[in-house]
Amino acid sequence: MREFHRLFSVPFLIGIIGGFSAIFVRLVIHGSSSVANWLNLFNDKPLFFLIAIPPLFVASSFVIHRFLTDTSNPTIDSVARSIALKKGRLDYKKGLTSVLLTAINIGFGTPVGREGPIAKFGGSFTALFLKAFKVEGASIPLFVTCGVSSALAATFNAPIAAVVFGLEIILGRLNFNVIIPLSVSSAVATVISRYFLGNYPTFYVHKLHYNFLFLLLVPLFALAFSSIVVLFGFVFEMTEKIYENLKINHLLKALTGGIIVAIIVFVFPDAASLGYKQVSQLFAHKFQYDHAFMLAIAKTVGLAITFASGIFGGIFAPSIFIGAFWGFAMGGFLSHTVAGLDPLSVALIGTASVTAGISSAPFRSSLIIIELTQNYQMAIPILLSSVITLYFVHVFEDRVHFARTILQKGFDLMDASYQEKLKRLNITNFIDTDIQTLNRDTRISDVVFDLMNSPSSYFPVVEEGKLIGVLSFRDIRLMYTKEDYTTTTVGELMTPNPSALTLKSNGIDVFEFLSHIDANYIPVVNNEKEKLYVGMLNVNSFTKFVSFVYLKRGDRCVLHDKIP
């Protein structure tokens, strides 16, 4: 019965919380929009945006800094990081505040999305529910993930994509005990959303198609999509640096950002708010190529400045808008030279690709778009474009592409300052030279009991001082299924030409290794060319050390702050 409650009853109740969370946010957005229309005495939306957004930015900044300890924007990515690093402990006050501020800002025309705050809201109140009913601590991260996924399922009317979100972004694993609660909560939330809000896609796209020439052009499309993602990052960082150099307080920063964003949406009113209506109009052929190009740029710049100004909001809906309009403009340009190219097909793959490039979640982004638009026949180009776009973004921005994998181990490599500390870390302090080395011609039966007494599960195979292989206990377990195990040699079972760290490797390199192989010891060589064996890096000692951030005070180091 206890397992039934964990797999079905609790996720069912969480699904109800997630479903009504999404409904609540939509109602607040609708109410905010109604108030904005009532205040728009001149019945001129662009002019109203110009007047209303700057003071709204200032008011939002005041509330954020006056009532919240953590003033960072609650994006979907930040919620995922909080669940992974803080074991499901979310800030309830921030969950409600971020939803209210974002909903009001959207209603008044701020070009942000609603998904991040909805995820925070659903997760926060799920955590509150779990605390009230004293649910066992080990299950809290899973159930909070159910709350986040169910809220997103209800928001997008996309339960399958929401389940994938929980698996890909937050939990990073797939098994019986995970897939059932996620599926139950997401399905319940979607049913609630469909009952109260109706069963219809977020935006409408007619059935699109592609040919083999289109597939050949996907890398070119992906390169263009990655460029708009890089532009977003550039504007965001540049705006933050300008604010930092000006040394102005958060209210003045919000005011200047609000004025710039207000001017942008005054000139391009279609770039305001969520933009789902405009995306539907785009796929109904109601925009010209040049106008679509300008709207994509305007939305990108406006969104980056909004976030750099410290204003809360989601990034998913704007990513869809930017990808669709950027793709449509690019497809329209190429259609003059490529016969039969449908600009709307390029726009569709752009919605997923730009989202994937910004969120570093190509599978989740692709599946949401496919499920939202019901264009399953476009799955191949959508997925290909998304992963290639993400690759180009990682190349251009030099991102740590394995950060999400390491996040599941409790280390936040998305933190830039933490990255810098890891890059300066010398791994020679963690090298163990006492681990037994093996010869390729040695019989397994001659060394197996010695290896069992070793602290390592991985053993270097060395020949003439060079590392030529690695033998693991997994290899030995496979060997015991053979009748002639007494004649089997190390060379027959070892992994030849293994990956290894070098004496110049740093903490980031160690984590990259661990993102591929979950090992307790890692071989270290002098350099990649000679591969002379040095020793084995003790992963346990390394992870203990990097669990803390050290700051120098004078000539001594003191423990300053534990990494979450």
Protein backbone atom coordinates (compact mmCIF):
# COMPACT_ATOMS: atom_id res chain seq x y z
CA MET A 1 0.00 0.00 0.00
CA ARG A 2 2.87 2.36 0.76
CA GLU A 3 4.28 1.86 -2.73
CA PHE A 4 0.82 2.47 -4.24
CA HIS A 5 0.61 5.82 -2.45
CA ARG A 6 4.11 6.77 -3.62
CA LEU A 7 3.49 5.80 -7.23
CA PHE A 8 -0.15 6.84 -7.69
CA SER A 9 -1.95 8.60 -4.81
CA VAL A 10 0.57 11.35 -4.07
CA PRO A 11 1.33 12.04 -7.78
CA PHE A 12 -2.45 12.23 -8.40
CA LEU A 13 -2.82 14.96 -5.77
CA ILE A 14 0.27 16.73 -7.09
CA GLY A 15 -1.26 16.67 -10.57
CA ILE A 16 -4.27 18.52 -9.18
CA ILE A 17 -1.94 21.14 -7.69
CA GLY A 18 -0.10 21.50 -11.00
CA GLY A 19 -3.28 21.77 -13.05
CA PHE A 20 -4.83 24.47 -10.91
CA SER A 21 -1.47 26.29 -10.70
CA ALA A 22 -1.53 26.74 -14.48
CA ILE A 23 -5.17 27.84 -14.41
CA PHE A 24 -4.46 30.35 -11.64
CA VAL A 25 -1.60 31.92 -13.61
CA ARG A 26 -3.69 32.23 -16.75
CA LEU A 27 -6.47 33.91 -14.78
CA VAL A 28 -4.02 36.41 -13.29
CA ILE A 29 -2.60 37.17 -16.75
CA HIS A 30 -6.13 37.65 -18.10
CA GLY A 31 -7.00 39.93 -15.19
CA SER A 32 -3.81 41.94 -15.67
CA SER A 33 -4.54 42.31 -19.38
CA SER A 34 -8.07 43.49 -18.60
CA VAL A 35 -6.75 46.11 -16.18
CA ALA A 36 -4.23 47.25 -18.80
CA ASN A 37 -7.02 47.62 -21.38
CA TRP A 38 -9.09 49.59 -18.89
CA LEU A 39 -6.18 51.93 -18.16
CA ASN A 40 -5.47 52.40 -21.88
CA LEU A 41 -7.63 55.49 -22.15
CA PHE A 42 -6.31 56.47 -25.57
CA ASN A 43 -7.03 53.01 -26.99
CA ASP A 44 -3.51 53.03 -28.42
CA LYS A 45 -1.53 49.95 -27.38
CA PRO A 46 1.94 51.04 -28.59
CA LEU A 47 1.58 54.36 -26.77
CA PHE A 48 0.31 52.58 -23.67
CA PHE A 49 3.35 50.27 -23.71
CA LEU A 50 5.62 53.31 -23.91
CA ILE A 51 3.98 54.89 -20.88
CA ALA A 52 3.28 51.85 -18.70
CA ILE A 53 6.36 49.61 -18.98
CA PRO A 54 9.06 51.84 -17.38
CA PRO A 55 7.17 52.44 -14.08
CA LEU A 56 6.11 48.78 -14.10
CA PHE A 57 9.79 47.73 -14.31
CA VAL A 58 10.62 50.01 -11.36
CA ALA A 59 7.72 48.67 -9.29
CA SER A 60 8.71 45.08 -10.06
CA SER A 61 12.33 45.72 -9.11
CA PHE A 62 11.24 47.34 -5.85
CA VAL A 63 9.10 44.34 -4.90
CA ILE A 64 11.80 41.85 -5.87
CA HIS A 65 14.55 43.53 -3.83
CA ARG A 66 12.30 44.52 -0.94
CA PHE A 67 10.58 41.21 -0.27
CA LEU A 68 12.81 38.48 -1.73
CA THR A 69 16.20 37.23 -0.57
CA ASP A 70 17.02 35.60 -3.92
CA THR A 71 16.50 38.17 -6.69
CA SER A 72 17.51 35.91 -9.59
CA ASN A 73 14.98 35.23 -12.36
CA PRO A 74 13.09 31.93 -11.71
CA THR A 75 13.52 30.39 -15.16
CA ILE A 76 12.76 26.71 -15.79
CA ASP A 77 16.49 26.07 -15.73
CA SER A 78 16.95 27.73 -12.33
CA VAL A 79 14.04 25.73 -10.91
CA ALA A 80 15.65 22.53 -12.17
CA ARG A 81 18.95 23.51 -10.56
CA SER A 82 17.22 24.24 -7.24
CA ILE A 83 15.54 20.84 -7.22
CA ALA A 84 18.77 19.02 -8.09
CA LEU A 85 21.01 20.95 -5.69
CA LYS A 86 18.63 21.68 -2.82
CA LYS A 87 16.76 18.36 -2.90
CA GLY A 88 13.38 19.91 -3.70
CA ARG A 89 13.48 22.75 -1.19
CA LEU A 90 11.93 25.70 -3.04
CA ASP A 91 11.10 29.20 -1.81
CA TYR A 92 7.29 29.45 -1.49
CA LYS A 93 7.34 33.24 -1.22
CA LYS A 94 9.37 33.55 -4.40
CA GLY A 95 7.09 31.08 -6.18
CA LEU A 96 4.01 33.21 -5.58
CA THR A 97 5.77 36.56 -6.04
CA SER A 98 7.36 35.56 -9.35
CA VAL A 99 4.03 34.34 -10.71
CA LEU A 100 2.19 37.53 -9.75
CA LEU A 101 4.90 39.84 -11.09
CA THR A 102 5.30 37.92 -14.33
CA ALA A 103 1.55 37.73 -14.93
CA ILE A 104 1.15 41.48 -14.38
CA ASN A 105 4.14 42.26 -16.61
CA ILE A 106 2.80 40.05 -19.40
CA GLY A 107 -0.63 41.65 -19.18
CA PHE A 108 0.96 45.08 -19.54
CA GLY A 109 3.07 44.07 -22.56
CA THR A 110 6.49 43.04 -21.18
CA PRO A 111 8.02 40.60 -23.73
CA VAL A 112 8.58 37.63 -21.39
CA GLY A 113 7.12 34.13 -21.02
CA ARG A 114 5.06 32.56 -18.25
CA GLU A 115 6.58 29.07 -18.10
CA GLY A 116 9.46 29.60 -15.63
CA PRO A 117 7.30 31.27 -12.95
CA ILE A 118 4.57 28.64 -13.48
CA ALA A 119 7.17 25.90 -12.96
CA LYS A 120 8.38 27.68 -9.80
CA PHE A 121 4.81 28.17 -8.58
CA GLY A 122 3.79 24.55 -9.17
CA GLY A 123 6.98 23.22 -7.62
CA SER A 124 6.83 25.55 -4.60
CA PHE A 125 3.28 24.66 -3.66
CA THR A 126 3.97 20.99 -4.22
CA ALA A 127 6.88 21.31 -1.78
CA LEU A 128 4.55 23.06 0.69
CA PHE A 129 2.01 20.24 0.30
CA LEU A 130 4.71 17.61 0.88
CA LYS A 131 5.91 19.44 3.98
CA ALA A 132 2.40 19.67 5.41
CA PHE A 133 1.82 15.94 5.01
CA LYS A 134 5.36 15.03 6.12
CA VAL A 135 6.27 13.03 3.02
CA GLU A 136 9.54 11.10 3.38
CA GLY A 137 12.55 13.22 2.51
CA ALA A 138 14.10 10.87 -0.05
CA SER A 139 11.03 11.19 -2.31
CA ILE A 140 10.75 14.98 -2.16
CA PRO A 141 12.94 15.81 -5.24
CA LEU A 142 10.88 13.37 -7.36
CA PHE A 143 7.54 14.72 -6.14
CA VAL A 144 8.59 18.37 -6.56
CA THR A 145 9.64 17.46 -10.10
CA CYS A 146 6.14 15.99 -10.55
CA GLY A 147 4.74 19.35 -9.44
CA VAL A 148 6.86 21.29 -11.91
CA SER A 149 6.16 18.89 -14.79
CA SER A 150 2.42 18.78 -14.11
CA ALA A 151 2.22 22.59 -14.08
CA LEU A 152 4.04 22.70 -17.43
CA ALA A 153 1.86 19.90 -18.82
CA ALA A 154 -1.25 21.93 -18.01
CA THR A 155 0.31 25.11 -19.41
CA PHE A 156 1.33 23.62 -22.75
CA ASN A 157 -1.41 20.97 -23.01
CA ALA A 158 1.51 18.59 -23.60
CA PRO A 159 1.74 15.80 -21.00
CA ILE A 160 4.32 13.67 -22.82
CA ALA A 161 6.70 16.58 -23.25
CA ALA A 162 6.25 17.47 -19.58
CA VAL A 163 7.28 13.96 -18.53
CA VAL A 164 10.34 14.21 -20.76
CA PHE A 165 11.11 17.57 -19.18
CA GLY A 166 11.24 15.98 -15.75
CA LEU A 167 13.45 13.17 -16.98
CA GLU A 168 15.82 15.22 -19.15
CA ILE A 169 16.15 18.44 -17.18
CA ILE A 170 15.72 17.62 -13.50
CA LEU A 171 16.02 13.98 -12.56
CA GLY A 172 18.37 12.72 -15.28
CA ARG A 173 17.32 9.12 -14.86
CA LEU A 174 14.61 6.73 -16.05
CA ASN A 175 13.16 3.83 -14.09
CA PHE A 176 9.91 2.34 -12.77
CA ASN A 177 9.85 4.53 -9.65
CA VAL A 178 10.27 7.74 -11.66
CA ILE A 179 8.24 7.31 -14.83
CA ILE A 180 4.98 6.33 -13.08
CA PRO A 181 4.69 9.33 -10.69
CA LEU A 182 5.70 11.76 -13.47
CA SER A 183 3.16 10.28 -15.89
CA VAL A 184 0.32 10.26 -13.35
CA SER A 185 0.84 13.85 -12.17
CA SER A 186 1.29 15.24 -15.71
CA ALA A 187 -1.77 13.38 -17.03
CA VAL A 188 -3.99 14.57 -14.14
CA ALA A 189 -2.85 18.19 -14.57
CA THR A 190 -3.49 18.06 -18.32
CA VAL A 191 -7.01 16.66 -17.82
CA ILE A 192 -7.78 19.48 -15.37
CA SER A 193 -6.42 22.08 -17.78
CA ARG A 194 -8.39 20.66 -20.70
CA TYR A 195 -11.60 20.54 -18.66
CA PHE A 196 -11.42 24.18 -17.58
CA LEU A 197 -9.52 25.76 -20.48
CA GLY A 198 -10.38 23.49 -23.41
CA ASN A 199 -8.35 21.04 -25.48
CA TYR A 200 -6.59 23.11 -28.12
CA PRO A 201 -2.96 23.76 -29.11
CA THR A 202 -1.11 26.78 -27.80
CA PHE A 203 -0.71 28.01 -31.37
CA TYR A 204 -2.03 26.70 -34.66
CA VAL A 205 0.17 25.26 -37.39
CA HIS A 206 -1.17 23.47 -40.46
CA LYS A 207 0.46 20.22 -41.55
CA LEU A 208 3.91 20.92 -42.97
CA HIS A 209 6.24 18.67 -44.96
CA TYR A 210 9.87 18.42 -46.00
CA ASN A 211 12.01 16.72 -48.65
CA PHE A 212 15.58 15.42 -48.70
CA LEU A 213 16.91 18.79 -49.89
CA PHE A 214 15.37 20.34 -46.78
CA LEU A 215 17.27 17.85 -44.60
CA LEU A 216 20.53 18.74 -46.34
CA LEU A 217 19.90 22.40 -45.50
CA VAL A 218 19.24 21.70 -41.80
CA PRO A 219 22.88 22.39 -40.73
CA LEU A 220 22.67 25.79 -42.47
CA PHE A 221 19.40 26.54 -40.69
CA ALA A 222 20.91 25.43 -37.37
CA LEU A 223 23.87 27.75 -37.86
CA ALA A 224 21.49 30.68 -38.36
CA PHE A 225 19.40 29.69 -35.32
CA SER A 226 22.52 29.46 -33.17
CA SER A 227 23.47 32.99 -34.24
CA ILE A 228 20.26 34.45 -32.79
CA VAL A 229 20.85 32.54 -29.54
CA VAL A 230 24.37 33.96 -29.37
CA LEU A 231 22.94 37.43 -30.06
CA PHE A 232 20.60 37.02 -27.08
CA GLY A 233 23.51 36.06 -24.83
CA PHE A 234 25.65 38.92 -26.15
CA VAL A 235 22.98 41.58 -25.54
CA PHE A 236 22.25 40.18 -22.07
CA GLU A 237 25.92 40.17 -21.02
CA MET A 238 26.63 43.55 -22.60
CA THR A 239 23.65 45.12 -20.81
CA GLU A 240 24.74 43.63 -17.49
CA LYS A 241 28.28 44.98 -17.97
CA ILE A 242 26.95 48.45 -18.80
CA TYR A 243 24.85 48.44 -15.64
CA GLU A 244 27.83 47.22 -13.63
CA ASN A 245 30.10 49.95 -15.01
CA LEU A 246 27.49 52.64 -14.37
CA LYS A 247 27.18 51.44 -10.74
CA ILE A 248 23.51 52.36 -10.51
CA ASN A 249 21.03 50.87 -8.01
CA HIS A 250 18.40 48.31 -8.97
CA LEU A 251 15.58 50.87 -9.28
CA LEU A 252 17.45 53.07 -11.74
CA LYS A 253 18.59 49.97 -13.60
CA ALA A 254 14.96 48.84 -13.89
CA LEU A 255 13.88 52.30 -15.05
CA THR A 256 16.48 52.56 -17.83
CA GLY A 257 15.78 48.99 -18.92
CA GLY A 258 12.05 49.67 -18.87
CA ILE A 259 12.44 52.77 -21.04
CA ILE A 260 14.45 50.84 -23.66
CA VAL A 261 12.03 47.89 -23.69
CA ALA A 262 9.06 50.30 -23.85
CA ILE A 263 10.55 51.99 -26.92
CA ILE A 264 11.12 48.60 -28.55
CA VAL A 265 7.51 47.43 -28.08
CA PHE A 266 6.24 50.90 -29.02
CA VAL A 267 7.96 50.57 -32.39
CA PHE A 268 7.21 46.82 -32.66
CA PRO A 269 3.98 46.18 -30.69
CA ASP A 270 3.78 42.61 -32.03
CA ALA A 271 6.89 41.82 -29.95
CA ALA A 272 5.04 42.53 -26.69
CA SER A 273 3.78 39.99 -24.13
CA LEU A 274 3.82 36.22 -24.77
CA GLY A 275 3.57 36.31 -28.56
CA TYR A 276 1.61 33.07 -29.08
CA LYS A 277 -1.10 34.94 -31.00
CA GLN A 278 1.53 36.41 -33.34
CA VAL A 279 3.09 32.99 -33.86
CA SER A 280 -0.30 31.62 -34.95
CA GLN A 281 -0.69 34.59 -37.31
CA LEU A 282 2.77 33.92 -38.72
CA PHE A 283 1.79 30.37 -39.67
CA ALA A 284 -1.37 31.82 -41.23
CA HIS A 285 0.80 33.90 -43.65
CA LYS A 286 -0.01 37.26 -42.02
CA PHE A 287 3.58 38.58 -41.82
CA GLN A 288 6.10 39.62 -44.46
CA TYR A 289 9.67 38.32 -44.40
CA ASP A 290 11.32 41.67 -43.64
CA HIS A 291 8.86 42.45 -40.85
CA ALA A 292 9.40 38.98 -39.36
CA PHE A 293 13.15 39.60 -39.35
CA MET A 294 12.77 42.89 -37.47
CA LEU A 295 10.35 41.34 -34.95
CA ALA A 296 12.78 38.50 -34.23
CA ILE A 297 15.57 41.00 -33.51
CA ALA A 298 13.26 43.24 -31.45
CA LYS A 299 12.01 40.34 -29.32
CA THR A 300 15.55 39.05 -28.79
CA VAL A 301 16.94 42.42 -27.69
CA GLY A 302 13.86 43.29 -25.61
CA LEU A 303 13.94 39.96 -23.79
CA ALA A 304 17.67 40.19 -23.06
CA ILE A 305 17.38 43.73 -21.67
CA THR A 306 14.34 42.75 -19.57
CA PHE A 307 16.25 39.93 -17.89
CA ALA A 308 19.41 42.01 -17.50
CA SER A 309 17.29 44.65 -15.78
CA GLY A 310 16.35 42.11 -13.11
CA ILE A 311 12.73 41.61 -14.15
CA PHE A 312 11.12 38.18 -13.69
CA GLY A 313 9.69 36.18 -16.58
CA GLY A 314 9.84 32.98 -18.56
CA ILE A 315 12.01 32.39 -21.58
CA PHE A 316 10.24 29.52 -23.35
CA ALA A 317 7.42 31.44 -25.05
CA PRO A 318 9.77 34.21 -26.27
CA SER A 319 12.15 31.51 -27.57
CA ILE A 320 9.33 30.02 -29.64
CA PHE A 321 8.47 33.48 -30.97
CA ILE A 322 12.09 34.30 -31.85
CA GLY A 323 12.69 30.94 -33.50
CA ALA A 324 9.50 31.11 -35.57
CA PHE A 325 10.02 34.65 -36.86
CA TRP A 326 13.76 34.24 -37.39
CA GLY A 327 13.19 30.97 -39.26
CA PHE A 328 10.41 32.44 -41.37
CA ALA A 329 12.56 35.41 -42.38
CA MET A 330 15.50 33.15 -43.23
CA GLY A 331 13.27 30.69 -45.11
CA GLY A 332 11.73 33.56 -47.07
CA PHE A 333 15.18 34.81 -48.09
CA LEU A 334 16.33 31.33 -49.20
CA SER A 335 13.08 30.53 -51.00
CA HIS A 336 14.14 32.89 -53.79
CA THR A 337 17.12 30.64 -54.58
CA VAL A 338 15.96 27.20 -53.34
CA ALA A 339 12.98 25.96 -55.32
CA GLY A 340 10.17 24.45 -53.27
CA LEU A 341 11.45 25.64 -49.90
CA ASP A 342 8.55 26.43 -47.55
CA PRO A 343 9.52 29.28 -45.16
CA LEU A 344 6.93 28.02 -42.65
CA SER A 345 8.75 24.69 -42.38
CA VAL A 346 11.92 26.60 -41.51
CA ALA A 347 9.89 28.63 -39.00
CA LEU A 348 8.61 25.44 -37.35
CA ILE A 349 12.05 23.90 -36.82
CA GLY A 350 13.20 27.31 -35.61
CA THR A 351 10.73 27.27 -32.71
CA ALA A 352 12.38 24.14 -31.31
CA SER A 353 15.95 25.00 -32.31
CA VAL A 354 16.16 28.41 -30.64
CA THR A 355 14.49 27.01 -27.53
CA ALA A 356 16.99 24.13 -27.48
CA GLY A 357 19.91 26.52 -27.96
CA ILE A 358 18.88 28.70 -25.03
CA SER A 359 17.80 25.92 -22.66
CA SER A 360 20.38 23.24 -23.66
CA ALA A 361 17.52 20.72 -23.81
CA PRO A 362 17.04 19.63 -27.45
CA PHE A 363 14.90 16.55 -26.85
CA ARG A 364 12.50 18.33 -24.52
CA SER A 365 12.26 21.35 -26.83
CA SER A 366 11.66 19.22 -29.93
CA LEU A 367 8.98 17.08 -28.30
CA ILE A 368 7.08 20.08 -26.92
CA ILE A 369 6.94 21.70 -30.36
CA ILE A 370 5.91 18.45 -32.03
CA GLU A 371 3.20 17.86 -29.44
CA LEU A 372 2.00 21.47 -29.42
CA THR A 373 1.64 21.70 -33.19
CA GLN A 374 0.69 18.05 -33.93
CA ASN A 375 3.28 18.08 -36.73
CA TYR A 376 4.69 14.63 -36.01
CA GLN A 377 5.78 14.22 -39.65
CA MET A 378 8.32 17.03 -39.05
CA ALA A 379 9.97 15.20 -36.13
CA ILE A 380 13.21 14.33 -37.95
CA PRO A 381 14.18 17.85 -39.15
CA ILE A 382 13.00 19.38 -35.85
CA LEU A 383 15.18 17.07 -33.76
CA LEU A 384 18.19 17.31 -36.11
CA SER A 385 18.05 21.09 -36.21
CA SER A 386 17.70 21.30 -32.42
CA VAL A 387 20.75 19.18 -31.62
CA ILE A 388 22.92 20.84 -34.29
CA THR A 389 21.87 24.30 -33.09
CA LEU A 390 22.82 23.36 -29.54
CA TYR A 391 26.19 22.11 -30.78
CA PHE A 392 26.93 25.39 -32.58
CA VAL A 393 25.87 27.41 -29.51
CA HIS A 394 28.22 25.42 -27.30
CA VAL A 395 31.05 26.00 -29.78
CA PHE A 396 30.43 29.75 -30.10
CA GLU A 397 29.80 30.43 -26.40
CA ASP A 398 32.23 27.83 -25.02
CA ARG A 399 29.59 26.41 -22.68
CA VAL A 400 30.18 23.45 -20.38
CA HIS A 401 28.06 20.98 -22.34
CA PHE A 402 28.02 18.34 -19.58
CA ALA A 403 26.81 20.68 -16.81
CA ARG A 404 23.38 19.04 -16.53
CA THR A 405 24.89 15.60 -16.03
CA ILE A 406 27.12 16.84 -13.22
CA LEU A 407 24.19 18.75 -11.72
CA GLN A 408 22.68 15.39 -10.75
CA LYS A 409 25.81 14.79 -8.63
CA GLY A 410 25.18 18.01 -6.72
CA PHE A 411 27.72 20.31 -8.43
CA ASP A 412 26.59 23.48 -10.18
CA LEU A 413 28.90 23.99 -13.16
CA MET A 414 26.50 26.62 -14.51
CA ASP A 415 27.89 28.97 -11.87
CA ALA A 416 30.57 31.00 -13.66
CA SER A 417 32.57 31.81 -10.52
CA TYR A 418 32.63 28.15 -9.52
CA GLN A 419 33.81 27.24 -13.01
CA GLU A 420 36.74 29.64 -12.68
CA LYS A 421 37.79 28.05 -9.38
CA LEU A 422 37.68 24.60 -10.94
CA LYS A 423 39.75 25.74 -13.92
CA ARG A 424 42.49 26.91 -11.55
CA LEU A 425 42.46 23.67 -9.57
CA ASN A 426 45.61 21.52 -9.78
CA ILE A 427 44.65 17.83 -9.88
CA THR A 428 48.11 16.59 -8.82
CA ASN A 429 47.02 16.94 -5.19
CA PHE A 430 44.54 14.08 -5.70
CA ILE A 431 46.75 11.56 -7.53
CA ASP A 432 47.22 8.20 -5.82
CA THR A 433 50.39 6.35 -6.89
CA ASP A 434 49.71 3.27 -4.76
CA ILE A 435 47.02 1.70 -6.96
CA GLN A 436 48.28 -1.61 -8.36
CA THR A 437 49.31 -1.58 -12.01
CA LEU A 438 48.76 -4.63 -14.24
CA ASN A 439 50.55 -6.30 -17.13
CA ARG A 440 48.57 -7.35 -20.18
CA ASP A 441 49.93 -10.94 -20.01
CA THR A 442 49.01 -11.50 -16.36
CA ARG A 443 46.26 -14.08 -15.77
CA ILE A 444 43.16 -12.73 -14.04
CA SER A 445 43.11 -15.62 -11.58
CA ASP A 446 46.58 -14.62 -10.33
CA VAL A 447 45.58 -11.09 -9.34
CA VAL A 448 41.83 -11.12 -8.72
CA PHE A 449 42.03 -11.50 -4.94
CA ASP A 450 44.68 -8.75 -4.68
CA LEU A 451 42.43 -6.46 -6.68
CA MET A 452 39.51 -7.18 -4.37
CA ASN A 453 41.46 -5.70 -1.47
CA SER A 454 42.18 -2.48 -3.39
CA PRO A 455 40.13 0.70 -2.81
CA SER A 456 39.86 1.18 -6.58
CA SER A 457 37.46 -0.50 -8.99
CA TYR A 458 39.63 0.49 -11.95
CA PHE A 459 43.21 -0.66 -12.54
CA PRO A 460 45.75 0.71 -15.03
CA VAL A 461 47.42 -1.66 -17.48
CA VAL A 462 50.94 -0.37 -18.12
CA GLU A 463 53.55 -1.43 -20.65
CA GLU A 464 57.01 0.18 -20.84
CA GLY A 465 55.73 2.97 -18.61
CA LYS A 466 52.81 3.80 -20.93
CA LEU A 467 49.13 3.44 -20.14
CA ILE A 468 47.71 0.95 -22.66
CA GLY A 469 44.47 -0.09 -20.98
CA VAL A 470 42.18 -0.12 -17.95
CA LEU A 471 40.66 -3.16 -16.25
CA SER A 472 37.50 -2.78 -14.16
CA PHE A 473 35.60 -5.12 -11.83
CA ARG A 474 32.80 -5.06 -14.37
CA ASP A 475 35.17 -6.67 -16.85
CA ILE A 476 36.09 -9.30 -14.26
CA ARG A 477 32.43 -10.06 -13.52
CA LEU A 478 31.89 -10.81 -17.19
CA MET A 479 34.92 -13.07 -17.13
CA TYR A 480 33.46 -15.30 -14.42
CA THR A 481 30.80 -16.55 -16.83
CA LYS A 482 33.53 -18.43 -18.74
CA GLU A 483 34.64 -21.93 -17.84
CA ASP A 484 38.28 -21.20 -18.73
CA TYR A 485 38.59 -18.09 -16.59
CA THR A 486 41.87 -19.40 -15.14
CA THR A 487 43.56 -18.89 -18.52
CA THR A 488 42.08 -15.48 -19.29
CA THR A 489 44.62 -12.64 -19.28
CA VAL A 490 44.30 -8.99 -18.40
CA GLY A 491 44.87 -8.03 -22.03
CA GLU A 492 41.83 -10.00 -23.15
CA LEU A 493 39.44 -8.17 -20.82
CA MET A 494 40.91 -4.68 -20.50
CA THR A 495 39.59 -1.60 -22.28
CA PRO A 496 42.41 -0.62 -24.66
CA ASN A 497 43.48 3.00 -25.33
CA PRO A 498 41.45 4.37 -22.40
CA SER A 499 40.61 8.01 -21.80
CA ALA A 500 42.84 9.62 -19.19
CA LEU A 501 43.56 12.91 -17.50
CA THR A 502 46.90 14.66 -17.87
CA LEU A 503 49.05 16.63 -15.45
CA LYS A 504 47.64 19.80 -17.05
CA SER A 505 44.02 18.75 -16.48
CA ASN A 506 41.88 20.86 -14.15
CA GLY A 507 38.68 20.39 -12.18
CA ILE A 508 36.47 20.96 -15.23
CA ASP A 509 38.32 18.17 -17.07
CA VAL A 510 37.69 15.79 -14.17
CA PHE A 511 33.95 16.52 -14.22
CA GLU A 512 33.84 16.04 -17.99
CA PHE A 513 35.38 12.61 -17.49
CA LEU A 514 32.83 11.79 -14.80
CA SER A 515 29.97 12.87 -17.10
CA HIS A 516 30.86 9.90 -19.33
CA ILE A 517 32.03 7.28 -16.80
CA ASP A 518 31.04 6.95 -13.18
CA ALA A 519 34.44 5.90 -11.76
CA ASN A 520 36.04 6.09 -8.34
CA TYR A 521 39.57 6.34 -9.76
CA ILE A 522 40.69 7.94 -13.05
CA PRO A 523 44.06 7.23 -14.76
CA VAL A 524 46.46 10.15 -15.14
CA VAL A 525 49.26 10.37 -17.74
CA ASN A 526 51.99 12.95 -18.28
CA ASN A 527 50.54 14.25 -21.55
CA GLU A 528 48.26 13.16 -24.38
CA LYS A 529 51.12 12.38 -26.76
CA GLU A 530 53.45 10.22 -24.66
CA LYS A 531 50.81 8.81 -22.28
CA LEU A 532 53.34 7.86 -19.62
CA TYR A 533 51.42 6.57 -16.61
CA VAL A 534 51.59 8.83 -13.52
CA GLY A 535 48.95 7.48 -11.14
CA MET A 536 45.19 7.33 -10.46
CA LEU A 537 43.13 10.36 -9.48
CA ASN A 538 41.10 9.65 -6.34
CA VAL A 539 37.60 10.83 -7.28
CA ASN A 540 36.33 10.69 -3.70
CA SER A 541 39.08 13.01 -2.46
CA PHE A 542 38.52 15.32 -5.42
CA THR A 543 34.74 15.60 -4.92
CA LYS A 544 35.17 16.19 -1.19
CA PHE A 545 37.54 19.07 -1.87
CA VAL A 546 35.47 20.72 -4.61
CA SER A 547 32.34 20.52 -2.45
CA PHE A 548 33.62 23.71 -0.81
CA VAL A 549 34.55 27.15 -2.06
CA TYR A 550 37.73 28.57 -0.50
CA LEU A 551 38.54 32.25 -0.22
CA LYS A 552 41.97 33.63 0.65
CA ARG A 553 42.29 36.03 3.55
CA GLY A 554 45.81 37.27 3.72
CA ASP A 555 48.15 34.30 3.59
CA ARG A 556 45.69 31.68 4.76
CA CYS A 557 42.67 29.94 3.27
CA VAL A 558 39.47 29.62 5.22
CA LEU A 559 36.32 27.63 4.55
CA HIS A 560 33.84 30.19 3.35
CA ASP A 561 30.76 28.70 1.80
CA LYS A 562 29.52 25.21 1.13
CA ILE A 563 28.33 24.55 -2.42
CA PRO A 564 24.63 23.59 -2.38
